[in-house]
């Protein structure tokens, strides 16, 4: 697809990606494919950012640690041992340095990459387009404290972030039309916080609902996509909570790939929701003790209690129970 819309967006941001002293932000790039490294470098410099490092991923394991940029772009398309070892070291260094890590991988390697990145809560992109990488950099920059966005007001800053999100939607639509596919859903800005409970929890925990009941609700929700565009009903957080509630009642484990499928949105979007929900305390990572290349996702205790009481409330309100699947 044409990169023209994104070239305009990067040009508009060129003077803005500076720290409080007006110094351009630095980005480190680690990718094994030379052509991709050059493309990433071109995009980063086109956005007015400085490239601090541009090297193969294996360089993270060789020699003394080198200073990293405020944002690190890492390409890990395959889950081989050397690549995962380098990624694990990069993830730990990003946590220690407060650097924002963006990791791109393929669907086949998602489980291993997700399990490997358990330190810095990076953005994980699955088979991303050039535009999606650029948008991920924009998200990372927006999280950096003291970033000078042309001395913008809070309203203008929010408008710029919204523009980045709209560009992401446009890119997927253009790609979908070019390939003759359907639009699978739209990316969104995630600003997720777990609300304070309206009432105190009761002393006795509520039992989890019958998993067959929850699975039936999930199937009813999925049935809508037979007759309408799935993008009309994109609600990944709730779909993932339902899937994890059923799994908790069944005493089964849920892999990150399975949860991405249950979300009903593209993997990159689902992963961003998962990261937000882990950070907010709704979900938790559960390492596989038998395989360090795998991690599962489960409801946190408070989220499990909230889901149990939600279904208990439905049982005491027949009118609400009748529309629980909506």
C-alpha atoms as a PDB file:
ATOM      1  CA  UNK A   1       0.000   0.000   0.000  1.00  0.00           C
ATOM      2  CA  UNK A   2       1.080   3.599  -0.430  1.00  0.00           C
ATOM      3  CA  UNK A   3       2.867   5.222   2.498  1.00  0.00           C
ATOM      4  CA  UNK A   4       1.727   8.755   1.564  1.00  0.00           C
ATOM      5  CA  UNK A   5      -0.756   9.260   4.462  1.00  0.00           C
ATOM      6  CA  UNK A   6       1.883   8.187   6.938  1.00  0.00           C
ATOM      7  CA  UNK A   7       4.606  10.304   5.369  1.00  0.00           C
ATOM      8  CA  UNK A   8       2.383  13.334   6.041  1.00  0.00           C
ATOM      9  CA  UNK A   9       1.818  12.213   9.622  1.00  0.00           C
ATOM     10  CA  UNK A  10       5.527  11.689  10.245  1.00  0.00           C
ATOM     11  CA  UNK A  11       6.348  15.045   8.692  1.00  0.00           C
ATOM     12  CA  UNK A  12       3.819  16.736  10.966  1.00  0.00           C
ATOM     13  CA  UNK A  13       5.456  15.140  14.006  1.00  0.00           C
ATOM     14  CA  UNK A  14       9.029  15.874  12.929  1.00  0.00           C
ATOM     15  CA  UNK A  15       9.688  18.917  15.166  1.00  0.00           C
ATOM     16  CA  UNK A  16       7.688  17.552  18.067  1.00  0.00           C
ATOM     17  CA  UNK A  17       9.511  14.393  19.131  1.00  0.00           C
ATOM     18  CA  UNK A  18      11.988  16.155  21.390  1.00  0.00           C
ATOM     19  CA  UNK A  19      12.708  15.961  25.075  1.00  0.00           C
ATOM     20  CA  UNK A  20      12.257  18.892  27.456  1.00  0.00           C
ATOM     21  CA  UNK A  21      15.594  20.352  26.289  1.00  0.00           C
ATOM     22  CA  UNK A  22      14.607  20.169  22.619  1.00  0.00           C
ATOM     23  CA  UNK A  23      16.915  17.233  21.829  1.00  0.00           C
ATOM     24  CA  UNK A  24      15.462  14.692  19.365  1.00  0.00           C
ATOM     25  CA  UNK A  25      14.477  11.381  20.919  1.00  0.00           C
ATOM     26  CA  UNK A  26      16.707   8.421  20.090  1.00  0.00           C
ATOM     27  CA  UNK A  27      15.571   5.037  18.787  1.00  0.00           C
ATOM     28  CA  UNK A  28      17.555   1.796  18.780  1.00  0.00           C
ATOM     29  CA  UNK A  29      16.822  -0.718  16.010  1.00  0.00           C
ATOM     30  CA  UNK A  30      17.612  -4.433  16.201  1.00  0.00           C
ATOM     31  CA  UNK A  31      16.714  -6.568  13.182  1.00  0.00           C
ATOM     32  CA  UNK A  32      18.534  -9.359  11.399  1.00  0.00           C
ATOM     33  CA  UNK A  33      17.353  -8.533   7.869  1.00  0.00           C
ATOM     34  CA  UNK A  34      19.498  -5.698   6.419  1.00  0.00           C
ATOM     35  CA  UNK A  35      16.732  -4.417   4.151  1.00  0.00           C
ATOM     36  CA  UNK A  36      14.295  -4.155   7.048  1.00  0.00           C
ATOM     37  CA  UNK A  37      16.870  -2.382   9.206  1.00  0.00           C
ATOM     38  CA  UNK A  38      17.314   0.234   6.505  1.00  0.00           C
ATOM     39  CA  UNK A  39      13.565   0.664   6.126  1.00  0.00           C
ATOM     40  CA  UNK A  40      13.087   1.120   9.873  1.00  0.00           C
ATOM     41  CA  UNK A  41      15.974   3.567   9.979  1.00  0.00           C
ATOM     42  CA  UNK A  42      14.450   5.553   7.116  1.00  0.00           C
ATOM     43  CA  UNK A  43      11.070   5.729   8.875  1.00  0.00           C
ATOM     44  CA  UNK A  44      12.579   6.691  12.223  1.00  0.00           C
ATOM     45  CA  UNK A  45      14.753   9.438  10.741  1.00  0.00           C
ATOM     46  CA  UNK A  46      11.814  10.596   8.637  1.00  0.00           C
ATOM     47  CA  UNK A  47       9.929  11.228  11.882  1.00  0.00           C
ATOM     48  CA  UNK A  48      12.706  13.534  13.076  1.00  0.00           C
ATOM     49  CA  UNK A  49      14.122  10.989  15.539  1.00  0.00           C
ATOM     50  CA  UNK A  50      17.745  10.010  16.023  1.00  0.00           C
ATOM     51  CA  UNK A  51      18.855   6.424  15.358  1.00  0.00           C
ATOM     52  CA  UNK A  52      21.226   5.494  18.161  1.00  0.00           C
ATOM     53  CA  UNK A  53      21.831   1.908  17.097  1.00  0.00           C
ATOM     54  CA  UNK A  54      20.929  -0.124  14.023  1.00  0.00           C
ATOM     55  CA  UNK A  55      22.237  -3.675  14.274  1.00  0.00           C
ATOM     56  CA  UNK A  56      21.349  -7.389  14.147  1.00  0.00           C
ATOM     57  CA  UNK A  57      19.495  -8.774  17.165  1.00  0.00           C
ATOM     58  CA  UNK A  58      22.486 -10.966  18.065  1.00  0.00           C
ATOM     59  CA  UNK A  59      24.462  -7.811  18.901  1.00  0.00           C
ATOM     60  CA  UNK A  60      22.415  -7.590  22.112  1.00  0.00           C
ATOM     61  CA  UNK A  61      24.338 -10.628  23.355  1.00  0.00           C
ATOM     62  CA  UNK A  62      27.826  -9.671  22.240  1.00  0.00           C
ATOM     63  CA  UNK A  63      30.117  -7.158  23.822  1.00  0.00           C
ATOM     64  CA  UNK A  64      29.396  -4.787  26.701  1.00  0.00           C
ATOM     65  CA  UNK A  65      25.903  -3.275  27.019  1.00  0.00           C
ATOM     66  CA  UNK A  66      25.476  -0.160  24.896  1.00  0.00           C
ATOM     67  CA  UNK A  67      23.241   2.829  25.692  1.00  0.00           C
ATOM     68  CA  UNK A  68      19.771   2.374  24.231  1.00  0.00           C
ATOM     69  CA  UNK A  69      17.375   4.923  22.836  1.00  0.00           C
ATOM     70  CA  UNK A  70      14.183   5.999  24.552  1.00  0.00           C
ATOM     71  CA  UNK A  71      12.398   3.630  22.139  1.00  0.00           C
ATOM     72  CA  UNK A  72      13.726   0.262  20.957  1.00  0.00           C
ATOM     73  CA  UNK A  73      12.427  -1.455  17.822  1.00  0.00           C
ATOM     74  CA  UNK A  74      13.149  -5.169  17.799  1.00  0.00           C
ATOM     75  CA  UNK A  75      12.348  -7.692  15.059  1.00  0.00           C
ATOM     76  CA  UNK A  76      12.096 -11.307  16.242  1.00  0.00           C
ATOM     77  CA  UNK A  77      10.254 -13.173  13.475  1.00  0.00           C
ATOM     78  CA  UNK A  78      11.335 -16.673  14.562  1.00  0.00           C
ATOM     79  CA  UNK A  79      11.583 -18.225  18.009  1.00  0.00           C
ATOM     80  CA  UNK A  80      15.070 -19.736  17.801  1.00  0.00           C
ATOM     81  CA  UNK A  81      17.195 -20.011  20.931  1.00  0.00           C
ATOM     82  CA  UNK A  82      19.665 -17.254  20.100  1.00  0.00           C
ATOM     83  CA  UNK A  83      16.955 -14.802  19.126  1.00  0.00           C
ATOM     84  CA  UNK A  84      14.940 -15.437  22.296  1.00  0.00           C
ATOM     85  CA  UNK A  85      18.050 -15.124  24.460  1.00  0.00           C
ATOM     86  CA  UNK A  86      18.831 -11.753  22.884  1.00  0.00           C
ATOM     87  CA  UNK A  87      15.215 -10.654  23.264  1.00  0.00           C
ATOM     88  CA  UNK A  88      15.139 -11.668  26.927  1.00  0.00           C
ATOM     89  CA  UNK A  89      18.255  -9.609  27.602  1.00  0.00           C
ATOM     90  CA  UNK A  90      16.808  -6.665  25.711  1.00  0.00           C
ATOM     91  CA  UNK A  91      13.555  -6.931  27.660  1.00  0.00           C
ATOM     92  CA  UNK A  92      15.398  -6.877  30.989  1.00  0.00           C
ATOM     93  CA  UNK A  93      17.563  -3.936  29.928  1.00  0.00           C
ATOM     94  CA  UNK A  94      14.456  -2.041  28.798  1.00  0.00           C
ATOM     95  CA  UNK A  95      12.894  -2.527  32.221  1.00  0.00           C
ATOM     96  CA  UNK A  96      16.004  -1.328  34.020  1.00  0.00           C
ATOM     97  CA  UNK A  97      16.441   1.693  31.760  1.00  0.00           C
ATOM     98  CA  UNK A  98      12.781   2.634  31.496  1.00  0.00           C
ATOM     99  CA  UNK A  99      13.013   2.243  27.728  1.00  0.00           C
ATOM    100  CA  UNK A 100       9.915   1.565  25.640  1.00  0.00           C
ATOM    101  CA  UNK A 101      10.353  -1.725  23.774  1.00  0.00           C
ATOM    102  CA  UNK A 102       8.434  -2.610  20.600  1.00  0.00           C
ATOM    103  CA  UNK A 103       8.767  -6.212  19.433  1.00  0.00           C
ATOM    104  CA  UNK A 104       7.549  -7.459  16.058  1.00  0.00           C
ATOM    105  CA  UNK A 105       7.089 -11.186  15.506  1.00  0.00           C
ATOM    106  CA  UNK A 106       5.112 -13.730  13.524  1.00  0.00           C
ATOM    107  CA  UNK A 107       2.018 -15.616  14.625  1.00  0.00           C
ATOM    108  CA  UNK A 108       3.952 -18.884  14.877  1.00  0.00           C
ATOM    109  CA  UNK A 109       6.433 -17.339  17.334  1.00  0.00           C
ATOM    110  CA  UNK A 110       3.955 -15.356  19.424  1.00  0.00           C
ATOM    111  CA  UNK A 111       3.812 -17.763  22.376  1.00  0.00           C
ATOM    112  CA  UNK A 112       7.587 -17.878  22.808  1.00  0.00           C
ATOM    113  CA  UNK A 113       8.040 -14.134  22.339  1.00  0.00           C
ATOM    114  CA  UNK A 114       5.249 -13.303  24.792  1.00  0.00           C
ATOM    115  CA  UNK A 115       6.690 -15.637  27.422  1.00  0.00           C
ATOM    116  CA  UNK A 116      10.144 -14.151  26.880  1.00  0.00           C
ATOM    117  CA  UNK A 117       9.012 -10.534  27.346  1.00  0.00           C
ATOM    118  CA  UNK A 118       7.942 -10.593  30.985  1.00  0.00           C
ATOM    119  CA  UNK A 119       9.922  -7.625  32.318  1.00  0.00           C
ATOM    120  CA  UNK A 120       9.196  -4.387  30.478  1.00  0.00           C
ATOM    121  CA  UNK A 121       5.583  -4.822  29.258  1.00  0.00           C
ATOM    122  CA  UNK A 122       6.543  -4.119  25.629  1.00  0.00           C
ATOM    123  CA  UNK A 123       4.241  -3.502  22.711  1.00  0.00           C
ATOM    124  CA  UNK A 124       4.110  -6.758  20.737  1.00  0.00           C
ATOM    125  CA  UNK A 125       3.138  -6.523  17.075  1.00  0.00           C
ATOM    126  CA  UNK A 126       2.143  -9.584  15.044  1.00  0.00           C
ATOM    127  CA  UNK A 127       3.119  -9.495  11.350  1.00  0.00           C
ATOM    128  CA  UNK A 128       2.899  -5.676  11.382  1.00  0.00           C
ATOM    129  CA  UNK A 129       2.744  -3.396   8.396  1.00  0.00           C
ATOM    130  CA  UNK A 130       5.141  -0.497   7.994  1.00  0.00           C
ATOM    131  CA  UNK A 131       2.413   1.859   9.144  1.00  0.00           C
ATOM    132  CA  UNK A 132       1.639  -0.168  12.261  1.00  0.00           C
ATOM    133  CA  UNK A 133       5.274   0.000  13.318  1.00  0.00           C
ATOM    134  CA  UNK A 134       5.233   3.775  12.898  1.00  0.00           C
ATOM    135  CA  UNK A 135       2.067   4.056  14.973  1.00  0.00           C
ATOM    136  CA  UNK A 136       3.611   1.884  17.692  1.00  0.00           C
ATOM    137  CA  UNK A 137       6.547   4.308  17.864  1.00  0.00           C
ATOM    138  CA  UNK A 138       4.058   7.153  18.224  1.00  0.00           C
ATOM    139  CA  UNK A 139       2.367   5.384  21.131  1.00  0.00           C
ATOM    140  CA  UNK A 140       5.704   4.816  22.826  1.00  0.00           C
ATOM    141  CA  UNK A 141       6.673   8.483  22.430  1.00  0.00           C
ATOM    142  CA  UNK A 142       3.346   9.543  23.916  1.00  0.00           C
ATOM    143  CA  UNK A 143       4.210   7.650  27.123  1.00  0.00           C
ATOM    144  CA  UNK A 144       7.604   9.281  27.611  1.00  0.00           C
ATOM    145  CA  UNK A 145       7.528  11.906  30.393  1.00  0.00           C
ATOM    146  CA  UNK A 146       8.680  15.441  29.592  1.00  0.00           C
ATOM    147  CA  UNK A 147       8.233  14.865  25.874  1.00  0.00           C
ATOM    148  CA  UNK A 148       7.853  18.255  24.216  1.00  0.00           C
ATOM    149  CA  UNK A 149       5.115  18.024  21.609  1.00  0.00           C
ATOM    150  CA  UNK A 150       5.590  21.514  20.155  1.00  0.00           C
ATOM    151  CA  UNK A 151       4.445  22.833  23.554  1.00  0.00           C
ATOM    152  CA  UNK A 152       0.987  21.556  22.726  1.00  0.00           C
ATOM    153  CA  UNK A 153      -1.952  21.899  25.036  1.00  0.00           C
ATOM    154  CA  UNK A 154      -3.493  18.788  26.523  1.00  0.00           C
ATOM    155  CA  UNK A 155      -6.326  19.018  24.003  1.00  0.00           C
ATOM    156  CA  UNK A 156      -3.939  19.251  21.068  1.00  0.00           C
ATOM    157  CA  UNK A 157      -1.853  16.401  22.436  1.00  0.00           C
ATOM    158  CA  UNK A 158      -4.968  14.201  22.648  1.00  0.00           C
ATOM    159  CA  UNK A 159      -5.921  15.190  19.110  1.00  0.00           C
ATOM    160  CA  UNK A 160      -2.480  14.128  17.859  1.00  0.00           C
ATOM    161  CA  UNK A 161      -2.802  10.742  19.527  1.00  0.00           C
ATOM    162  CA  UNK A 162      -6.283  10.341  18.074  1.00  0.00           C
ATOM    163  CA  UNK A 163      -4.878  11.145  14.633  1.00  0.00           C
ATOM    164  CA  UNK A 164      -2.355   8.323  15.041  1.00  0.00           C
ATOM    165  CA  UNK A 165      -5.177   5.920  15.846  1.00  0.00           C
ATOM    166  CA  UNK A 166      -7.222   7.067  12.852  1.00  0.00           C
ATOM    167  CA  UNK A 167      -4.239   6.508  10.601  1.00  0.00           C
ATOM    168  CA  UNK A 168      -4.062   2.956  11.872  1.00  0.00           C
ATOM    169  CA  UNK A 169      -7.698   2.377  10.966  1.00  0.00           C
ATOM    170  CA  UNK A 170      -7.165   3.874   7.511  1.00  0.00           C
ATOM    171  CA  UNK A 171      -4.127   1.693   6.863  1.00  0.00           C
ATOM    172  CA  UNK A 172      -5.998  -1.505   7.662  1.00  0.00           C
ATOM    173  CA  UNK A 173      -8.933  -0.484   5.498  1.00  0.00           C
ATOM    174  CA  UNK A 174      -6.698   0.336   2.562  1.00  0.00           C
ATOM    175  CA  UNK A 175      -4.818  -2.941   2.914  1.00  0.00           C
ATOM    176  CA  UNK A 176      -8.050  -4.890   3.254  1.00  0.00           C
ATOM    177  CA  UNK A 177      -9.530  -3.353   0.121  1.00  0.00           C
ATOM    178  CA  UNK A 178      -6.328  -3.873  -1.799  1.00  0.00           C
ATOM    179  CA  UNK A 179      -6.259  -7.567  -0.920  1.00  0.00           C
ATOM    180  CA  UNK A 180      -9.986  -8.114  -1.341  1.00  0.00           C
ATOM    181  CA  UNK A 181     -10.417  -9.032   2.330  1.00  0.00           C
ATOM    182  CA  UNK A 182     -12.839  -7.819   4.937  1.00  0.00           C
ATOM    183  CA  UNK A 183     -12.146  -5.374   7.718  1.00  0.00           C
ATOM    184  CA  UNK A 184     -11.586  -7.388  10.860  1.00  0.00           C
ATOM    185  CA  UNK A 185     -11.879  -4.583  13.360  1.00  0.00           C
ATOM    186  CA  UNK A 186     -10.476  -1.224  14.318  1.00  0.00           C
ATOM    187  CA  UNK A 187      -7.625  -0.342  16.597  1.00  0.00           C
ATOM    188  CA  UNK A 188      -8.311   1.973  19.483  1.00  0.00           C
ATOM    189  CA  UNK A 189      -6.603   4.133  22.052  1.00  0.00           C
ATOM    190  CA  UNK A 190      -6.442   2.166  25.284  1.00  0.00           C
ATOM    191  CA  UNK A 191      -6.819   4.142  28.437  1.00  0.00           C
ATOM    192  CA  UNK A 192      -7.935   1.420  30.798  1.00  0.00           C
ATOM    193  CA  UNK A 193      -8.261   1.757  34.541  1.00  0.00           C
ATOM    194  CA  UNK A 194      -9.987  -0.654  36.868  1.00  0.00           C
ATOM    195  CA  UNK A 195     -12.773   1.298  38.587  1.00  0.00           C
ATOM    196  CA  UNK A 196     -13.114   1.346  42.331  1.00  0.00           C
ATOM    197  CA  UNK A 197     -15.849  -1.056  43.478  1.00  0.00           C
ATOM    198  CA  UNK A 198     -19.167   0.591  44.224  1.00  0.00           C
ATOM    199  CA  UNK A 199     -19.727  -1.691  47.225  1.00  0.00           C
ATOM    200  CA  UNK A 200     -17.369  -3.607  49.461  1.00  0.00           C
ATOM    201  CA  UNK A 201     -16.872  -7.291  48.727  1.00  0.00           C
ATOM    202  CA  UNK A 202     -18.861  -9.671  50.869  1.00  0.00           C
ATOM    203  CA  UNK A 203     -16.953 -11.927  53.227  1.00  0.00           C
ATOM    204  CA  UNK A 204     -17.725 -15.127  51.349  1.00  0.00           C
ATOM    205  CA  UNK A 205     -16.468 -15.291  47.745  1.00  0.00           C
ATOM    206  CA  UNK A 206     -19.097 -15.922  45.106  1.00  0.00           C
ATOM    207  CA  UNK A 207     -18.793 -19.163  43.135  1.00  0.00           C
ATOM    208  CA  UNK A 208     -17.838 -18.980  39.497  1.00  0.00           C
ATOM    209  CA  UNK A 209     -20.700 -19.508  37.045  1.00  0.00           C
ATOM    210  CA  UNK A 210     -21.290 -22.790  35.257  1.00  0.00           C
ATOM    211  CA  UNK A 211     -18.733 -22.813  32.418  1.00  0.00           C
ATOM    212  CA  UNK A 212     -21.317 -24.185  29.975  1.00  0.00           C
ATOM    213  CA  UNK A 213     -23.420 -21.121  30.636  1.00  0.00           C
ATOM    214  CA  UNK A 214     -20.500 -18.805  29.916  1.00  0.00           C
ATOM    215  CA  UNK A 215     -19.574 -20.732  26.751  1.00  0.00           C
ATOM    216  CA  UNK A 216     -23.158 -20.415  25.571  1.00  0.00           C
ATOM    217  CA  UNK A 217     -22.991 -16.640  26.009  1.00  0.00           C
ATOM    218  CA  UNK A 218     -19.721 -16.590  24.060  1.00  0.00           C
ATOM    219  CA  UNK A 219     -21.276 -18.591  21.206  1.00  0.00           C
ATOM    220  CA  UNK A 220     -24.269 -16.257  21.144  1.00  0.00           C
ATOM    221  CA  UNK A 221     -21.966 -13.258  20.876  1.00  0.00           C
ATOM    222  CA  UNK A 222     -19.977 -14.898  18.087  1.00  0.00           C
ATOM    223  CA  UNK A 223     -23.165 -15.730  16.196  1.00  0.00           C
ATOM    224  CA  UNK A 224     -23.685 -12.043  15.445  1.00  0.00           C
ATOM    225  CA  UNK A 225     -20.707 -12.023  13.076  1.00  0.00           C
ATOM    226  CA  UNK A 226     -22.560 -14.341  10.697  1.00  0.00           C
ATOM    227  CA  UNK A 227     -24.991 -11.552   9.912  1.00  0.00           C
ATOM    228  CA  UNK A 228     -23.089  -8.327  10.629  1.00  0.00           C
ATOM    229  CA  UNK A 229     -19.584  -6.935  10.217  1.00  0.00           C
ATOM    230  CA  UNK A 230     -17.567  -8.113  13.217  1.00  0.00           C
ATOM    231  CA  UNK A 231     -16.176  -4.594  13.625  1.00  0.00           C
ATOM    232  CA  UNK A 232     -19.581  -3.383  14.784  1.00  0.00           C
ATOM    233  CA  UNK A 233     -19.327  -5.465  17.946  1.00  0.00           C
ATOM    234  CA  UNK A 234     -15.605  -5.338  18.764  1.00  0.00           C
ATOM    235  CA  UNK A 235     -15.446  -5.617  22.551  1.00  0.00           C
ATOM    236  CA  UNK A 236     -12.177  -7.454  23.188  1.00  0.00           C
ATOM    237  CA  UNK A 237     -11.902  -6.821  26.924  1.00  0.00           C
ATOM    238  CA  UNK A 238     -15.295  -8.357  27.672  1.00  0.00           C
ATOM    239  CA  UNK A 239     -14.802 -11.264  25.273  1.00  0.00           C
ATOM    240  CA  UNK A 240     -11.476 -12.084  26.945  1.00  0.00           C
ATOM    241  CA  UNK A 241     -12.973 -11.809  30.428  1.00  0.00           C
ATOM    242  CA  UNK A 242     -15.738 -14.226  29.447  1.00  0.00           C
ATOM    243  CA  UNK A 243     -13.276 -16.712  27.962  1.00  0.00           C
ATOM    244  CA  UNK A 244     -11.038 -16.570  31.027  1.00  0.00           C
ATOM    245  CA  UNK A 245     -14.041 -16.930  33.354  1.00  0.00           C
ATOM    246  CA  UNK A 246     -15.102 -20.108  31.593  1.00  0.00           C
ATOM    247  CA  UNK A 247     -11.538 -21.418  31.727  1.00  0.00           C
ATOM    248  CA  UNK A 248     -11.260 -20.649  35.440  1.00  0.00           C
ATOM    249  CA  UNK A 249     -14.501 -22.536  36.098  1.00  0.00           C
ATOM    250  CA  UNK A 250     -13.192 -25.451  34.022  1.00  0.00           C
ATOM    251  CA  UNK A 251      -9.800 -25.280  35.771  1.00  0.00           C
ATOM    252  CA  UNK A 252      -8.043 -25.041  32.405  1.00  0.00           C
ATOM    253  CA  UNK A 253      -5.209 -22.762  31.263  1.00  0.00           C
ATOM    254  CA  UNK A 254      -5.471 -20.215  28.447  1.00  0.00           C
ATOM    255  CA  UNK A 255      -2.541 -19.454  26.162  1.00  0.00           C
ATOM    256  CA  UNK A 256      -1.959 -15.976  24.811  1.00  0.00           C
ATOM    257  CA  UNK A 257      -2.705 -17.191  21.267  1.00  0.00           C
ATOM    258  CA  UNK A 258      -6.009 -18.694  22.358  1.00  0.00           C
ATOM    259  CA  UNK A 259      -6.956 -15.497  24.184  1.00  0.00           C
ATOM    260  CA  UNK A 260      -6.129 -13.404  21.119  1.00  0.00           C
ATOM    261  CA  UNK A 261      -8.521 -15.580  19.098  1.00  0.00           C
ATOM    262  CA  UNK A 262     -11.212 -15.272  21.774  1.00  0.00           C
ATOM    263  CA  UNK A 263     -10.927 -11.473  21.709  1.00  0.00           C
ATOM    264  CA  UNK A 264     -12.316 -11.285  18.173  1.00  0.00           C
ATOM    265  CA  UNK A 265      -9.822  -8.598  17.107  1.00  0.00           C
ATOM    266  CA  UNK A 266      -6.459  -8.750  15.280  1.00  0.00           C
ATOM    267  CA  UNK A 267      -3.608 -10.189  17.400  1.00  0.00           C
ATOM    268  CA  UNK A 268      -1.714  -6.913  17.731  1.00  0.00           C
ATOM    269  CA  UNK A 269      -4.830  -5.189  19.078  1.00  0.00           C
ATOM    270  CA  UNK A 270      -5.577  -8.101  21.415  1.00  0.00           C
ATOM    271  CA  UNK A 271      -2.027  -8.040  22.768  1.00  0.00           C
ATOM    272  CA  UNK A 272      -2.313  -4.347  23.554  1.00  0.00           C
ATOM    273  CA  UNK A 273      -5.554  -5.006  25.466  1.00  0.00           C
ATOM    274  CA  UNK A 274      -3.904  -7.876  27.342  1.00  0.00           C
ATOM    275  CA  UNK A 275      -0.973  -5.653  28.321  1.00  0.00           C
ATOM    276  CA  UNK A 276      -3.318  -2.930  29.551  1.00  0.00           C
ATOM    277  CA  UNK A 277      -5.410  -5.390  31.559  1.00  0.00           C
ATOM    278  CA  UNK A 278      -2.321  -6.983  33.102  1.00  0.00           C
ATOM    279  CA  UNK A 279      -1.001  -3.536  34.019  1.00  0.00           C
ATOM    280  CA  UNK A 280      -4.335  -2.533  35.558  1.00  0.00           C
ATOM    281  CA  UNK A 281      -4.492  -5.704  37.654  1.00  0.00           C
ATOM    282  CA  UNK A 282      -7.391  -7.447  35.917  1.00  0.00           C
ATOM    283  CA  UNK A 283      -5.289 -10.207  34.353  1.00  0.00           C
ATOM    284  CA  UNK A 284      -2.067 -11.933  35.370  1.00  0.00           C
ATOM    285  CA  UNK A 285       0.657 -13.818  33.553  1.00  0.00           C
ATOM    286  CA  UNK A 286       1.198 -17.413  34.646  1.00  0.00           C
ATOM    287  CA  UNK A 287       4.553 -18.902  33.532  1.00  0.00           C
ATOM    288  CA  UNK A 288       4.502 -22.518  32.402  1.00  0.00           C
ATOM    289  CA  UNK A 289       6.779 -24.354  34.878  1.00  0.00           C
ATOM    290  CA  UNK A 290       7.416 -27.092  32.307  1.00  0.00           C
ATOM    291  CA  UNK A 291       8.306 -24.785  29.394  1.00  0.00           C
ATOM    292  CA  UNK A 292       9.885 -21.367  29.828  1.00  0.00           C
ATOM    293  CA  UNK A 293       8.941 -20.528  26.244  1.00  0.00           C
ATOM    294  CA  UNK A 294       5.270 -20.446  27.179  1.00  0.00           C
ATOM    295  CA  UNK A 295       3.117 -18.304  29.458  1.00  0.00           C
ATOM    296  CA  UNK A 296      -0.582 -18.405  30.187  1.00  0.00           C
ATOM    297  CA  UNK A 297      -3.088 -15.673  31.007  1.00  0.00           C
ATOM    298  CA  UNK A 298      -5.548 -15.905  33.901  1.00  0.00           C
ATOM    299  CA  UNK A 299      -7.974 -13.687  35.757  1.00  0.00           C
ATOM    300  CA  UNK A 300      -6.532 -11.864  38.725  1.00  0.00           C
ATOM    301  CA  UNK A 301      -8.297 -12.642  42.006  1.00  0.00           C
ATOM    302  CA  UNK A 302     -10.298  -9.394  42.062  1.00  0.00           C
ATOM    303  CA  UNK A 303     -11.366  -9.821  38.443  1.00  0.00           C
ATOM    304  CA  UNK A 304     -12.408 -13.417  39.118  1.00  0.00           C
ATOM    305  CA  UNK A 305     -14.458 -12.239  42.091  1.00  0.00           C
ATOM    306  CA  UNK A 306     -16.017  -9.459  40.020  1.00  0.00           C
ATOM    307  CA  UNK A 307     -17.052 -11.872  37.259  1.00  0.00           C
ATOM    308  CA  UNK A 308     -18.505 -14.288  39.810  1.00  0.00           C
ATOM    309  CA  UNK A 309     -20.573 -11.540  41.396  1.00  0.00           C
ATOM    310  CA  UNK A 310     -21.634 -10.236  37.995  1.00  0.00           C
ATOM    311  CA  UNK A 311     -23.184 -13.595  37.120  1.00  0.00           C
ATOM    312  CA  UNK A 312     -24.648 -13.870  40.626  1.00  0.00           C
ATOM    313  CA  UNK A 313     -26.296 -10.478  40.111  1.00  0.00           C
ATOM    314  CA  UNK A 314     -27.765 -11.719  36.817  1.00  0.00           C
ATOM    315  CA  UNK A 315     -29.343 -14.643  38.648  1.00  0.00           C
ATOM    316  CA  UNK A 316     -31.058 -12.227  41.007  1.00  0.00           C
ATOM    317  CA  UNK A 317     -32.250  -9.995  38.159  1.00  0.00           C
ATOM    318  CA  UNK A 318     -34.161 -12.101  35.598  1.00  0.00           C
ATOM    319  CA  UNK A 319     -34.654  -9.179  33.220  1.00  0.00           C
ATOM    320  CA  UNK A 320     -30.898  -8.669  33.004  1.00  0.00           C
ATOM    321  CA  UNK A 321     -30.242 -12.394  32.731  1.00  0.00           C
ATOM    322  CA  UNK A 322     -32.354 -12.493  29.581  1.00  0.00           C
ATOM    323  CA  UNK A 323     -30.010 -10.083  27.788  1.00  0.00           C
ATOM    324  CA  UNK A 324     -26.697 -11.227  29.321  1.00  0.00           C
ATOM    325  CA  UNK A 325     -25.386 -12.276  25.938  1.00  0.00           C
ATOM    326  CA  UNK A 326     -25.619  -8.788  24.452  1.00  0.00           C
END
